[in-house]
Amino acid sequence: MKIYSLFIFSLLFTLSSFSAVVESSWNDQYQKEISFYCGENDTLCSDLCGEATMCKVPEETCHNCIGTSITLTYIFNYMSKAYTNTGVSALSGDVLELLKSGDFVTFSSRSIYNHVDSFNSMTLRQNFKKLCSDGTRYPIVIFNKSKRTQKVSDVRFVFCNDGIYEMNFSNDLILNFEENQKNTLF
């Protein structure tokens, strides 16, 4: 039980901007969900679900999340390199709107969608941890999901211990890296 409690604790982190604890997990029915545990002065849970202290938001799987899509390859290979934290705090209204819409997908170093590296590998953990300057152990990155195709699209936010921040994607790094790979002997 102590190990289980430690595992759950390690998945949780606080958000000072919302003062909530956030966890991305799979429930007993093998459905992905984001759980929010709210403090006394926080309105996030009531704004999302109408409950004062806890809110579970279902996260449907996306069509290009299972398998070896180029999008997932980029996400896991280039997290913290091409996908970066802007340092700009996300507007709570924008975060709530996305979560209420259901048109999102979350990723972390513990994502089962990772086909690039070992589950929760040191390299993957370090790349995700670089997104948060406050030492967040397991940052959660949220992407838009296309309503029409149900595929992962643009990166939006990262959940860190000290808040939620806007994310940015720059394909310049990917293009430069791939160009350099063509020019090597190996």
N, C-alpha and C. Protein backbone atom coordinates (compact mmCIF):
# COMPACT_ATOMS: atom_id res chain seq x y z
N MET A 1 0.83 -1.19 0.00
CA MET A 1 0.00 0.00 0.00
C MET A 1 0.88 1.26 0.00
N LYS A 2 1.99 1.19 0.74
CA LYS A 2 2.88 2.34 0.81
C LYS A 2 3.47 2.66 -0.56
N ILE A 3 3.85 1.63 -1.32
CA ILE A 3 4.40 1.83 -2.67
C ILE A 3 3.33 2.42 -3.57
N TYR A 4 2.10 1.91 -3.47
CA TYR A 4 1.00 2.44 -4.28
C TYR A 4 0.75 3.91 -3.96
N SER A 5 0.76 4.25 -2.68
CA SER A 5 0.57 5.65 -2.27
C SER A 5 1.69 6.53 -2.79
N LEU A 6 2.91 6.03 -2.74
CA LEU A 6 4.06 6.78 -3.26
C LEU A 6 3.93 6.99 -4.76
N PHE A 7 3.47 5.96 -5.47
CA PHE A 7 3.27 6.07 -6.93
C PHE A 7 2.22 7.13 -7.24
N ILE A 8 1.10 7.09 -6.54
CA ILE A 8 0.04 8.09 -6.76
C ILE A 8 0.57 9.48 -6.43
N PHE A 9 1.29 9.61 -5.33
CA PHE A 9 1.83 10.91 -4.96
C PHE A 9 2.78 11.43 -6.02
N SER A 10 3.58 10.54 -6.61
CA SER A 10 4.54 10.98 -7.62
C SER A 10 3.84 11.44 -8.90
N LEU A 11 2.64 10.96 -9.14
CA LEU A 11 1.89 11.40 -10.32
C LEU A 11 1.23 12.75 -10.12
N LEU A 12 1.06 13.12 -8.88
CA LEU A 12 0.33 14.34 -8.56
C LEU A 12 1.27 15.53 -8.49
N PHE A 13 0.75 16.68 -8.85
CA PHE A 13 1.51 17.90 -8.65
C PHE A 13 0.53 19.05 -8.49
N THR A 14 0.97 20.08 -7.80
CA THR A 14 0.08 21.19 -7.53
C THR A 14 0.25 22.28 -8.55
N LEU A 15 -0.82 23.02 -8.73
CA LEU A 15 -0.82 24.16 -9.63
C LEU A 15 -1.15 25.39 -8.81
N SER A 16 -0.18 26.25 -8.61
CA SER A 16 -0.44 27.41 -7.77
C SER A 16 -1.43 28.36 -8.40
N SER A 17 -1.48 28.42 -9.74
CA SER A 17 -2.42 29.34 -10.37
C SER A 17 -3.85 28.88 -10.15
N PHE A 18 -4.06 27.60 -10.02
CA PHE A 18 -5.37 27.07 -9.72
C PHE A 18 -5.42 26.49 -8.31
N SER A 19 -4.27 26.27 -7.71
CA SER A 19 -4.11 25.58 -6.43
C SER A 19 -4.81 24.23 -6.43
N ALA A 20 -4.71 23.54 -7.54
CA ALA A 20 -5.29 22.21 -7.68
C ALA A 20 -4.18 21.19 -7.89
N VAL A 21 -4.50 19.94 -7.62
CA VAL A 21 -3.60 18.83 -7.90
C VAL A 21 -4.15 18.14 -9.15
N VAL A 22 -3.26 17.82 -10.09
CA VAL A 22 -3.69 17.24 -11.37
C VAL A 22 -3.01 15.90 -11.57
N GLU A 23 -3.77 14.94 -12.07
CA GLU A 23 -3.27 13.59 -12.33
C GLU A 23 -3.83 13.11 -13.66
N SER A 24 -3.00 12.57 -14.49
CA SER A 24 -3.43 11.93 -15.74
C SER A 24 -3.32 10.43 -15.54
N SER A 25 -4.42 9.71 -15.73
CA SER A 25 -4.40 8.28 -15.45
C SER A 25 -5.46 7.55 -16.27
N TRP A 26 -5.50 6.24 -16.08
CA TRP A 26 -6.50 5.39 -16.71
C TRP A 26 -7.39 4.85 -15.59
N ASN A 27 -8.71 4.87 -15.80
CA ASN A 27 -9.62 4.38 -14.77
C ASN A 27 -9.82 2.87 -14.89
N ASP A 28 -10.71 2.32 -14.07
CA ASP A 28 -10.95 0.87 -14.05
C ASP A 28 -11.54 0.33 -15.35
N GLN A 29 -12.15 1.20 -16.13
CA GLN A 29 -12.72 0.80 -17.42
C GLN A 29 -11.74 1.04 -18.57
N TYR A 30 -10.47 1.26 -18.24
CA TYR A 30 -9.41 1.49 -19.23
C TYR A 30 -9.69 2.72 -20.09
N GLN A 31 -10.26 3.73 -19.47
CA GLN A 31 -10.50 5.00 -20.13
C GLN A 31 -9.57 6.04 -19.52
N LYS A 32 -8.96 6.83 -20.37
CA LYS A 32 -8.03 7.86 -19.90
C LYS A 32 -8.83 9.04 -19.36
N GLU A 33 -8.31 9.63 -18.28
CA GLU A 33 -8.97 10.79 -17.69
C GLU A 33 -7.95 11.66 -16.97
N ILE A 34 -8.31 12.92 -16.82
CA ILE A 34 -7.51 13.84 -16.02
C ILE A 34 -8.31 14.13 -14.77
N SER A 35 -7.68 13.94 -13.63
CA SER A 35 -8.34 14.20 -12.35
C SER A 35 -7.78 15.47 -11.75
N PHE A 36 -8.67 16.31 -11.27
CA PHE A 36 -8.31 17.55 -10.59
C PHE A 36 -8.82 17.46 -9.16
N TYR A 37 -7.93 17.72 -8.21
CA TYR A 37 -8.27 17.74 -6.79
C TYR A 37 -8.06 19.17 -6.32
N CYS A 38 -9.14 19.83 -5.95
CA CYS A 38 -9.11 21.26 -5.69
C CYS A 38 -9.11 21.60 -4.22
N GLY A 39 -8.42 22.68 -3.90
CA GLY A 39 -8.38 23.21 -2.55
C GLY A 39 -9.62 24.03 -2.24
N GLU A 40 -9.68 24.47 -1.01
CA GLU A 40 -10.84 25.21 -0.51
C GLU A 40 -11.09 26.51 -1.28
N ASN A 41 -10.05 27.21 -1.66
CA ASN A 41 -10.20 28.51 -2.33
C ASN A 41 -10.15 28.42 -3.85
N ASP A 42 -10.16 27.21 -4.38
CA ASP A 42 -10.02 27.02 -5.82
C ASP A 42 -11.39 26.82 -6.47
N THR A 43 -11.56 27.37 -7.66
CA THR A 43 -12.82 27.23 -8.38
C THR A 43 -12.70 26.31 -9.59
N LEU A 44 -11.52 25.77 -9.85
CA LEU A 44 -11.32 24.94 -11.04
C LEU A 44 -12.30 23.77 -11.10
N CYS A 45 -12.42 23.01 -10.03
CA CYS A 45 -13.30 21.84 -10.03
C CYS A 45 -14.76 22.25 -10.24
N SER A 46 -15.19 23.29 -9.56
CA SER A 46 -16.58 23.73 -9.74
C SER A 46 -16.80 24.30 -11.13
N ASP A 47 -15.81 25.00 -11.68
CA ASP A 47 -15.94 25.53 -13.04
C ASP A 47 -16.00 24.41 -14.08
N LEU A 48 -15.26 23.34 -13.86
CA LEU A 48 -15.23 22.23 -14.81
C LEU A 48 -16.39 21.26 -14.65
N CYS A 49 -16.67 20.87 -13.41
CA CYS A 49 -17.62 19.79 -13.17
C CYS A 49 -18.76 20.13 -12.22
N GLY A 50 -18.71 21.28 -11.60
CA GLY A 50 -19.75 21.63 -10.64
C GLY A 50 -19.52 21.03 -9.26
N GLU A 51 -18.38 20.41 -9.04
CA GLU A 51 -18.03 19.84 -7.74
C GLU A 51 -16.95 20.71 -7.10
N ALA A 52 -16.97 20.82 -5.78
CA ALA A 52 -16.06 21.73 -5.10
C ALA A 52 -14.63 21.20 -4.97
N THR A 53 -14.47 19.89 -4.74
CA THR A 53 -13.14 19.39 -4.40
C THR A 53 -12.51 18.44 -5.40
N MET A 54 -13.31 17.83 -6.27
CA MET A 54 -12.73 16.88 -7.21
C MET A 54 -13.47 16.91 -8.54
N CYS A 55 -12.71 16.73 -9.62
CA CYS A 55 -13.30 16.72 -10.95
C CYS A 55 -12.51 15.76 -11.82
N LYS A 56 -13.21 14.90 -12.52
CA LYS A 56 -12.57 13.98 -13.46
C LYS A 56 -13.06 14.32 -14.86
N VAL A 57 -12.10 14.61 -15.73
CA VAL A 57 -12.41 14.98 -17.11
C VAL A 57 -11.98 13.84 -18.02
N PRO A 58 -12.94 13.22 -18.74
CA PRO A 58 -12.55 12.13 -19.63
C PRO A 58 -11.69 12.62 -20.78
N GLU A 59 -10.76 11.77 -21.18
CA GLU A 59 -9.90 12.08 -22.32
C GLU A 59 -10.00 10.93 -23.32
N GLU A 60 -10.67 11.19 -24.41
CA GLU A 60 -10.81 10.16 -25.43
C GLU A 60 -9.48 9.95 -26.14
N THR A 61 -9.25 8.74 -26.60
CA THR A 61 -8.03 8.49 -27.35
C THR A 61 -8.12 9.15 -28.71
N CYS A 62 -6.99 9.42 -29.29
CA CYS A 62 -6.98 10.05 -30.61
C CYS A 62 -6.64 9.00 -31.66
N HIS A 63 -6.96 9.29 -32.91
CA HIS A 63 -6.79 8.30 -33.97
C HIS A 63 -5.34 8.07 -34.34
N ASN A 64 -4.47 9.04 -34.16
CA ASN A 64 -3.07 8.83 -34.52
C ASN A 64 -2.17 8.70 -33.30
N CYS A 65 -2.74 8.35 -32.16
CA CYS A 65 -1.95 8.21 -30.94
C CYS A 65 -1.41 6.80 -30.74
N ILE A 66 -2.06 5.84 -31.32
CA ILE A 66 -1.61 4.47 -31.15
C ILE A 66 -0.93 4.05 -32.45
N GLY A 67 0.32 3.68 -32.35
CA GLY A 67 1.07 3.32 -33.54
C GLY A 67 2.31 4.19 -33.67
N THR A 68 2.83 4.22 -34.85
CA THR A 68 4.10 4.90 -35.08
C THR A 68 3.95 6.12 -35.98
N SER A 69 2.99 6.96 -35.70
CA SER A 69 2.78 8.15 -36.53
C SER A 69 3.96 9.12 -36.38
N ILE A 70 4.20 9.89 -37.41
CA ILE A 70 5.29 10.87 -37.39
C ILE A 70 5.03 11.92 -36.31
N THR A 71 3.76 12.24 -36.07
CA THR A 71 3.42 13.22 -35.04
C THR A 71 3.91 12.76 -33.67
N LEU A 72 3.63 11.50 -33.34
CA LEU A 72 4.08 10.98 -32.04
C LEU A 72 5.60 10.87 -31.97
N THR A 73 6.21 10.51 -33.08
CA THR A 73 7.67 10.46 -33.12
C THR A 73 8.24 11.83 -32.79
N TYR A 74 7.70 12.87 -33.39
CA TYR A 74 8.16 14.23 -33.11
C TYR A 74 7.90 14.61 -31.66
N ILE A 75 6.71 14.31 -31.16
CA ILE A 75 6.38 14.68 -29.77
C ILE A 75 7.39 14.08 -28.80
N PHE A 76 7.67 12.80 -28.92
CA PHE A 76 8.56 12.16 -27.94
C PHE A 76 10.04 12.40 -28.22
N ASN A 77 10.42 12.61 -29.46
CA ASN A 77 11.82 12.90 -29.76
C ASN A 77 12.20 14.36 -29.51
N TYR A 78 11.27 15.27 -29.68
CA TYR A 78 11.59 16.69 -29.65
C TYR A 78 10.94 17.47 -28.51
N MET A 79 10.42 16.76 -27.51
CA MET A 79 9.85 17.46 -26.36
C MET A 79 10.97 18.21 -25.66
N SER A 80 10.75 19.46 -25.37
CA SER A 80 11.67 20.43 -24.75
C SER A 80 12.71 20.95 -25.74
N LYS A 81 12.69 20.45 -26.97
CA LYS A 81 13.60 20.97 -28.00
C LYS A 81 12.79 21.78 -29.01
N ALA A 82 11.88 21.13 -29.72
CA ALA A 82 10.99 21.83 -30.66
C ALA A 82 9.68 22.22 -29.97
N TYR A 83 9.27 21.44 -28.98
CA TYR A 83 8.09 21.75 -28.17
C TYR A 83 8.60 22.39 -26.88
N THR A 84 8.34 23.67 -26.69
CA THR A 84 8.92 24.39 -25.56
C THR A 84 7.88 25.18 -24.78
N ASN A 85 8.18 25.38 -23.51
CA ASN A 85 7.38 26.22 -22.62
C ASN A 85 7.72 27.67 -22.93
N THR A 86 6.73 28.49 -23.22
CA THR A 86 6.97 29.90 -23.53
C THR A 86 7.26 30.72 -22.29
N GLY A 87 6.92 30.21 -21.11
CA GLY A 87 7.06 30.97 -19.88
C GLY A 87 5.88 31.89 -19.62
N VAL A 88 4.92 31.90 -20.53
CA VAL A 88 3.73 32.75 -20.39
C VAL A 88 2.64 31.93 -19.70
N SER A 89 2.14 32.45 -18.59
CA SER A 89 1.06 31.75 -17.89
C SER A 89 -0.18 31.68 -18.78
N ALA A 90 -0.77 30.50 -18.82
CA ALA A 90 -1.98 30.30 -19.62
C ALA A 90 -3.16 30.99 -18.94
N LEU A 91 -4.04 31.52 -19.74
CA LEU A 91 -5.27 32.11 -19.21
C LEU A 91 -6.19 30.99 -18.76
N SER A 92 -6.71 31.09 -17.54
CA SER A 92 -7.54 30.02 -17.01
C SER A 92 -8.76 29.75 -17.90
N GLY A 93 -9.30 30.79 -18.51
CA GLY A 93 -10.44 30.61 -19.41
C GLY A 93 -10.10 29.76 -20.62
N ASP A 94 -8.89 29.92 -21.15
CA ASP A 94 -8.46 29.11 -22.30
C ASP A 94 -8.29 27.65 -21.91
N VAL A 95 -7.71 27.42 -20.74
CA VAL A 95 -7.51 26.05 -20.25
C VAL A 95 -8.86 25.38 -20.00
N LEU A 96 -9.77 26.10 -19.32
CA LEU A 96 -11.10 25.55 -19.04
C LEU A 96 -11.86 25.25 -20.32
N GLU A 97 -11.79 26.15 -21.28
CA GLU A 97 -12.48 25.95 -22.56
C GLU A 97 -12.00 24.67 -23.25
N LEU A 98 -10.69 24.47 -23.28
CA LEU A 98 -10.15 23.27 -23.92
C LEU A 98 -10.56 22.01 -23.18
N LEU A 99 -10.46 22.03 -21.85
CA LEU A 99 -10.82 20.85 -21.07
C LEU A 99 -12.31 20.53 -21.20
N LYS A 100 -13.15 21.55 -21.20
CA LYS A 100 -14.59 21.33 -21.35
C LYS A 100 -14.95 20.80 -22.73
N SER A 101 -14.19 21.19 -23.74
CA SER A 101 -14.49 20.77 -25.11
C SER A 101 -14.24 19.28 -25.33
N GLY A 102 -13.29 18.71 -24.58
CA GLY A 102 -12.92 17.32 -24.78
C GLY A 102 -12.00 17.10 -25.97
N ASP A 103 -11.67 18.17 -26.66
CA ASP A 103 -10.83 18.08 -27.86
C ASP A 103 -9.36 18.26 -27.51
N PHE A 104 -8.83 17.36 -26.71
CA PHE A 104 -7.44 17.44 -26.27
C PHE A 104 -6.87 16.05 -26.07
N VAL A 105 -5.55 16.00 -26.03
CA VAL A 105 -4.80 14.78 -25.74
C VAL A 105 -3.65 15.20 -24.82
N THR A 106 -3.36 14.40 -23.80
CA THR A 106 -2.25 14.71 -22.90
C THR A 106 -1.12 13.69 -23.08
N PHE A 107 0.09 14.18 -22.86
CA PHE A 107 1.28 13.35 -22.94
C PHE A 107 2.19 13.66 -21.76
N SER A 108 2.91 12.65 -21.31
CA SER A 108 3.94 12.82 -20.29
C SER A 108 5.00 11.76 -20.55
N SER A 109 6.02 11.73 -19.74
CA SER A 109 7.06 10.71 -19.91
C SER A 109 6.51 9.32 -19.62
N ARG A 110 5.36 9.26 -18.97
CA ARG A 110 4.73 7.99 -18.63
C ARG A 110 3.61 7.61 -19.60
N SER A 111 3.58 8.24 -20.73
CA SER A 111 2.51 8.00 -21.70
C SER A 111 2.64 6.63 -22.35
N ILE A 112 1.53 5.92 -22.45
CA ILE A 112 1.56 4.63 -23.15
C ILE A 112 1.65 4.83 -24.66
N TYR A 113 1.45 6.04 -25.12
CA TYR A 113 1.55 6.33 -26.56
C TYR A 113 3.00 6.41 -27.03
N ASN A 114 3.94 6.42 -26.12
CA ASN A 114 5.36 6.54 -26.46
C ASN A 114 5.84 5.25 -27.12
N HIS A 115 6.27 5.34 -28.37
CA HIS A 115 6.87 4.20 -29.06
C HIS A 115 8.33 4.49 -29.42
N VAL A 116 8.83 5.62 -28.97
CA VAL A 116 10.17 6.09 -29.35
C VAL A 116 11.24 5.61 -28.37
N ASP A 117 10.91 5.59 -27.10
CA ASP A 117 11.88 5.25 -26.07
C ASP A 117 11.20 4.35 -25.04
N SER A 118 11.95 3.83 -24.10
CA SER A 118 11.38 3.01 -23.04
C SER A 118 10.38 3.81 -22.23
N PHE A 119 9.39 3.13 -21.69
CA PHE A 119 8.40 3.78 -20.85
C PHE A 119 9.09 4.52 -19.71
N ASN A 120 8.81 5.82 -19.61
CA ASN A 120 9.33 6.65 -18.53
C ASN A 120 10.86 6.59 -18.43
N SER A 121 11.54 6.46 -19.56
CA SER A 121 13.00 6.38 -19.56
C SER A 121 13.61 7.67 -19.00
N MET A 122 14.84 7.58 -18.57
CA MET A 122 15.53 8.75 -18.01
C MET A 122 15.57 9.89 -19.02
N THR A 123 15.90 9.59 -20.27
CA THR A 123 15.97 10.62 -21.31
C THR A 123 14.62 11.29 -21.51
N LEU A 124 13.58 10.50 -21.61
CA LEU A 124 12.24 11.04 -21.81
C LEU A 124 11.81 11.88 -20.61
N ARG A 125 12.06 11.37 -19.40
CA ARG A 125 11.73 12.12 -18.18
C ARG A 125 12.45 13.46 -18.16
N GLN A 126 13.73 13.45 -18.50
CA GLN A 126 14.50 14.70 -18.49
C GLN A 126 13.97 15.68 -19.52
N ASN A 127 13.61 15.20 -20.71
CA ASN A 127 13.07 16.09 -21.73
C ASN A 127 11.76 16.73 -21.28
N PHE A 128 10.89 15.97 -20.65
CA PHE A 128 9.63 16.55 -20.15
C PHE A 128 9.90 17.47 -18.96
N LYS A 129 10.82 17.08 -18.06
CA LYS A 129 11.12 17.91 -16.89
C LYS A 129 11.69 19.27 -17.27
N LYS A 130 12.39 19.34 -18.40
CA LYS A 130 12.95 20.62 -18.86
C LYS A 130 11.88 21.64 -19.18
N LEU A 131 10.65 21.20 -19.35
CA LEU A 131 9.55 22.12 -19.67
C LEU A 131 9.16 22.99 -18.48
N CYS A 132 9.49 22.53 -17.28
CA CYS A 132 9.09 23.25 -16.06
C CYS A 132 10.34 23.64 -15.27
N SER A 133 10.51 24.91 -15.04
CA SER A 133 11.70 25.40 -14.33
C SER A 133 11.63 25.15 -12.83
N ASP A 134 10.49 24.70 -12.34
CA ASP A 134 10.30 24.52 -10.90
C ASP A 134 10.58 23.10 -10.41
N GLY A 135 11.09 22.23 -11.29
CA GLY A 135 11.41 20.86 -10.87
C GLY A 135 10.23 19.90 -10.88
N THR A 136 9.17 20.23 -11.57
CA THR A 136 8.02 19.33 -11.67
C THR A 136 8.50 17.96 -12.11
N ARG A 137 8.10 16.95 -11.38
CA ARG A 137 8.60 15.60 -11.64
C ARG A 137 8.02 15.00 -12.93
N TYR A 138 6.72 15.15 -13.13
CA TYR A 138 6.06 14.58 -14.30
C TYR A 138 5.14 15.61 -14.95
N PRO A 139 5.70 16.55 -15.69
CA PRO A 139 4.85 17.53 -16.37
C PRO A 139 3.89 16.84 -17.35
N ILE A 140 2.71 17.41 -17.46
CA ILE A 140 1.71 16.91 -18.41
C ILE A 140 1.53 17.96 -19.48
N VAL A 141 1.71 17.56 -20.74
CA VAL A 141 1.58 18.47 -21.88
C VAL A 141 0.26 18.16 -22.57
N ILE A 142 -0.49 19.22 -22.86
CA ILE A 142 -1.80 19.05 -23.48
C ILE A 142 -1.78 19.61 -24.90
N PHE A 143 -2.29 18.82 -25.82
CA PHE A 143 -2.38 19.17 -27.24
C PHE A 143 -3.84 19.27 -27.65
N ASN A 144 -4.10 20.07 -28.67
CA ASN A 144 -5.42 20.07 -29.29
C ASN A 144 -5.62 18.74 -30.01
N LYS A 145 -6.88 18.35 -30.12
CA LYS A 145 -7.24 17.20 -30.94
C LYS A 145 -8.27 17.69 -31.95
N SER A 146 -8.05 17.41 -33.21
CA SER A 146 -8.95 17.86 -34.27
C SER A 146 -10.34 17.26 -34.10
N LYS A 147 -11.37 18.11 -34.14
CA LYS A 147 -12.75 17.62 -34.04
C LYS A 147 -13.09 16.73 -35.23
N ARG A 148 -12.61 17.11 -36.39
CA ARG A 148 -12.97 16.40 -37.63
C ARG A 148 -12.25 15.06 -37.74
N THR A 149 -10.93 15.06 -37.55
CA THR A 149 -10.14 13.83 -37.77
C THR A 149 -9.83 13.07 -36.49
N GLN A 150 -10.03 13.69 -35.33
CA GLN A 150 -9.71 13.10 -34.03
C GLN A 150 -8.22 12.81 -33.88
N LYS A 151 -7.38 13.56 -34.58
CA LYS A 151 -5.93 13.39 -34.50
C LYS A 151 -5.30 14.50 -33.68
N VAL A 152 -4.13 14.21 -33.11
CA VAL A 152 -3.37 15.22 -32.37
C VAL A 152 -3.02 16.35 -33.31
N SER A 153 -3.17 17.58 -32.82
CA SER A 153 -2.75 18.72 -33.64
C SER A 153 -1.80 19.60 -32.84
N ASP A 154 -2.16 20.83 -32.56
CA ASP A 154 -1.23 21.80 -31.98
C ASP A 154 -1.02 21.62 -30.48
N VAL A 155 0.22 21.84 -30.05
CA VAL A 155 0.54 21.84 -28.63
C VAL A 155 -0.06 23.09 -28.00
N ARG A 156 -0.59 22.98 -26.76
CA ARG A 156 -1.23 24.12 -26.12
C ARG A 156 -0.60 24.52 -24.79
N PHE A 157 -0.61 23.59 -23.82
CA PHE A 157 -0.23 23.95 -22.46
C PHE A 157 0.63 22.86 -21.82
N VAL A 158 1.36 23.27 -20.77
CA VAL A 158 2.06 22.32 -19.92
C VAL A 158 1.64 22.60 -18.49
N PHE A 159 1.31 21.53 -17.75
CA PHE A 159 0.96 21.62 -16.34
C PHE A 159 2.23 21.44 -15.53
N CYS A 160 2.66 22.48 -14.83
CA CYS A 160 3.83 22.44 -13.95
C CYS A 160 3.38 22.66 -12.51
N ASN A 161 4.27 22.40 -11.56
CA ASN A 161 3.92 22.62 -10.15
C ASN A 161 3.50 24.05 -9.87
N ASP A 162 4.16 25.00 -10.51
CA ASP A 162 3.88 26.40 -10.19
C ASP A 162 2.89 27.07 -11.14
N GLY A 163 2.23 26.30 -11.99
CA GLY A 163 1.21 26.88 -12.86
C GLY A 163 1.06 26.16 -14.18
N ILE A 164 0.22 26.72 -15.00
CA ILE A 164 -0.02 26.19 -16.34
C ILE A 164 0.54 27.21 -17.32
N TYR A 165 1.33 26.73 -18.27
CA TYR A 165 2.00 27.64 -19.20
C TYR A 165 1.65 27.30 -20.64
N GLU A 166 1.71 28.32 -21.48
CA GLU A 166 1.52 28.13 -22.90
C GLU A 166 2.75 27.44 -23.48
N MET A 167 2.50 26.60 -24.47
CA MET A 167 3.59 25.89 -25.15
C MET A 167 3.73 26.42 -26.57
N ASN A 168 4.88 26.15 -27.16
CA ASN A 168 5.18 26.58 -28.52
C ASN A 168 5.84 25.42 -29.27
N PHE A 169 5.62 25.38 -30.59
CA PHE A 169 6.29 24.40 -31.43
C PHE A 169 7.04 25.13 -32.52
N SER A 170 8.31 24.77 -32.70
CA SER A 170 9.12 25.34 -33.77
C SER A 170 9.73 24.20 -34.57
N ASN A 171 9.32 24.08 -35.83
CA ASN A 171 9.85 22.98 -36.63
C ASN A 171 11.23 23.28 -37.21
N ASP A 172 11.77 24.47 -36.97
CA ASP A 172 13.11 24.80 -37.45
C ASP A 172 14.14 23.80 -36.93
N LEU A 173 14.05 23.45 -35.67
CA LEU A 173 14.99 22.50 -35.07
C LEU A 173 14.91 21.15 -35.77
N ILE A 174 13.71 20.69 -36.04
CA ILE A 174 13.53 19.40 -36.69
C ILE A 174 14.10 19.44 -38.10
N LEU A 175 13.79 20.49 -38.84
CA LEU A 175 14.30 20.61 -40.21
C LEU A 175 15.81 20.68 -40.24
N ASN A 176 16.41 21.45 -39.33
CA ASN A 176 17.87 21.55 -39.27
C ASN A 176 18.51 20.22 -38.89
N PHE A 177 17.91 19.53 -37.92
CA PHE A 177 18.44 18.23 -37.49
C PHE A 177 18.39 17.23 -38.64
N GLU A 178 17.25 17.15 -39.32
CA GLU A 178 17.11 16.20 -40.42
C GLU A 178 18.04 16.55 -41.58
N GLU A 179 18.24 17.82 -41.83
CA GLU A 179 19.17 18.24 -42.89
C GLU A 179 20.60 17.84 -42.53
N ASN A 180 20.98 18.02 -41.27
CA ASN A 180 22.32 17.64 -40.82
C ASN A 180 22.53 16.13 -40.90
N GLN A 181 21.48 15.36 -40.64
CA GLN A 181 21.58 13.91 -40.71
C GLN A 181 21.87 13.45 -42.14
N LYS A 182 21.34 14.14 -43.12
CA LYS A 182 21.57 13.79 -44.53
C LYS A 182 23.03 14.01 -44.92
N ASN A 183 23.69 14.94 -44.25
CA ASN A 183 25.06 15.31 -44.61
C ASN A 183 26.13 14.54 -43.84
N THR A 184 25.74 13.57 -43.04
CA THR A 184 26.73 12.79 -42.30
C THR A 184 27.02 11.49 -43.03
N LEU A 185 28.12 10.86 -42.67
CA LEU A 185 28.50 9.59 -43.29
C LEU A 185 27.64 8.44 -42.80
N PHE A 186 27.06 8.58 -41.63
CA PHE A 186 26.30 7.47 -41.05
C PHE A 186 24.87 7.70 -41.29
